[in-house]
Amino acid sequence: MEVVLSSGHRMPLIGFGTASMPLPPDDVLTSACLGAIEAGYRQFDTAAQYGTEKLLGRSIAEAMRRGLIKSRDEIFITSKLWCTDTHSDLVVPALKNS
């Protein structure tokens, strides 16, 4: 199931969240994300504040290497601008960091 956004992009309605406190070891998070892709998840929620963006990217690259997905275009990633970065001079640097 998915929804069509006003941009025309399609977003799966069910996503896999990557926020965790405390943050699990890298291999555990990578394994969880790969398992989610194997299970059919195609939407992932992350944020720079979670500290999971880089590992999610590595998991997606590994999923492509393994043939679980053909390209990054098969994955919809939701990230967010953290509330402490909403001042006008902080937005662009925060988004570039994400």
Protein backbone atom coordinates (compact mmCIF):
# COMPACT_ATOMS: atom_id res chain seq x y z
CA MET A 1 0.00 0.00 0.00
CA GLU A 2 1.22 3.46 -0.82
CA VAL A 3 0.09 7.04 -1.14
CA VAL A 4 0.83 9.42 -4.00
CA LEU A 5 2.30 12.68 -2.71
CA SER A 6 1.58 16.07 -4.27
CA SER A 7 5.05 15.84 -5.87
CA GLY A 8 3.91 12.71 -7.71
CA HIS A 9 6.27 10.48 -5.75
CA ARG A 10 4.84 7.32 -4.24
CA MET A 11 5.43 6.67 -0.54
CA PRO A 12 4.79 3.31 1.12
CA LEU A 13 2.28 3.63 3.97
CA ILE A 14 4.21 1.31 6.28
CA GLY A 15 7.75 2.26 7.19
CA PHE A 16 10.61 1.01 9.31
CA GLY A 17 11.79 3.40 12.03
CA THR A 18 15.48 3.67 12.88
CA ALA A 19 15.30 5.67 16.13
CA SER A 20 16.59 3.80 19.17
CA MET A 21 17.82 4.71 22.62
CA PRO A 22 20.45 3.65 23.24
CA LEU A 23 21.74 3.35 19.70
CA PRO A 24 22.50 -0.31 18.98
CA PRO A 25 25.91 -1.43 17.71
CA ASP A 26 26.48 -0.78 13.98
CA ASP A 27 26.21 -4.45 13.01
CA VAL A 28 22.88 -4.82 14.85
CA LEU A 29 21.33 -1.78 13.16
CA THR A 30 22.66 -2.80 9.75
CA SER A 31 21.27 -6.31 10.21
CA ALA A 32 17.89 -4.91 11.28
CA CYS A 33 17.68 -2.64 8.23
CA LEU A 34 18.71 -5.46 5.89
CA GLY A 35 16.14 -7.72 7.52
CA ALA A 36 13.49 -5.05 6.99
CA ILE A 37 14.37 -4.82 3.29
CA GLU A 38 14.25 -8.61 3.02
CA ALA A 39 10.81 -8.54 4.69
CA GLY A 40 9.56 -6.03 2.11
CA TYR A 41 9.93 -2.66 3.81
CA ARG A 42 10.60 0.10 1.29
CA GLN A 43 10.10 3.17 3.50
CA PHE A 44 12.58 4.08 6.24
CA ASP A 45 12.32 6.86 8.80
CA THR A 46 15.56 8.40 10.02
CA ALA A 47 17.09 11.71 11.12
CA ALA A 48 20.55 13.13 11.61
CA GLN A 49 19.66 13.42 15.30
CA TYR A 50 19.11 9.64 15.50
CA GLY A 51 22.64 8.91 14.27
CA THR A 52 21.33 6.23 11.91
CA GLU A 53 21.47 7.85 8.47
CA LYS A 54 24.94 6.64 7.52
CA LEU A 55 24.23 3.05 8.61
CA LEU A 56 20.92 3.06 6.76
CA GLY A 57 22.80 4.13 3.64
CA ARG A 58 25.29 1.31 4.11
CA SER A 59 22.43 -1.15 4.57
CA ILE A 60 20.80 0.00 1.34
CA ALA A 61 24.12 -0.34 -0.52
CA GLU A 62 24.51 -3.86 0.88
CA ALA A 63 20.93 -4.72 -0.12
CA MET A 64 21.74 -3.66 -3.68
CA ARG A 65 24.96 -5.68 -3.62
CA ARG A 66 23.00 -8.75 -2.49
CA GLY A 67 20.33 -8.20 -5.14
CA LEU A 68 17.55 -7.54 -2.62
CA ILE A 69 16.77 -4.31 -4.47
CA LYS A 70 17.95 -3.10 -7.86
CA SER A 71 18.46 0.58 -7.08
CA ARG A 72 18.17 3.23 -4.39
CA ASP A 73 15.04 4.45 -6.21
CA GLU A 74 13.14 1.50 -4.72
CA ILE A 75 13.58 2.94 -1.21
CA PHE A 76 11.70 5.95 0.21
CA ILE A 77 13.61 7.65 3.04
CA THR A 78 11.97 10.10 5.40
CA SER A 79 14.33 12.34 7.35
CA LYS A 80 13.59 15.47 9.26
CA LEU A 81 14.89 18.88 10.22
CA TRP A 82 15.41 18.86 13.98
CA CYS A 83 13.61 21.58 15.95
CA THR A 84 16.89 23.10 17.16
CA ASP A 85 17.92 23.68 13.53
CA THR A 86 14.91 25.73 12.40
CA HIS A 87 16.56 29.14 12.68
CA SER A 88 16.98 30.55 9.17
CA ASP A 89 20.80 30.41 9.22
CA LEU A 90 20.83 26.80 10.49
CA VAL A 91 18.40 25.15 8.07
CA VAL A 92 20.62 24.75 5.00
CA PRO A 93 23.67 23.45 6.92
CA ALA A 94 21.46 21.00 8.84
CA LEU A 95 19.87 19.70 5.65
CA LYS A 96 23.27 19.30 4.01
CA ASN A 97 24.38 17.31 7.05
CA SER A 98 21.34 15.03 6.79
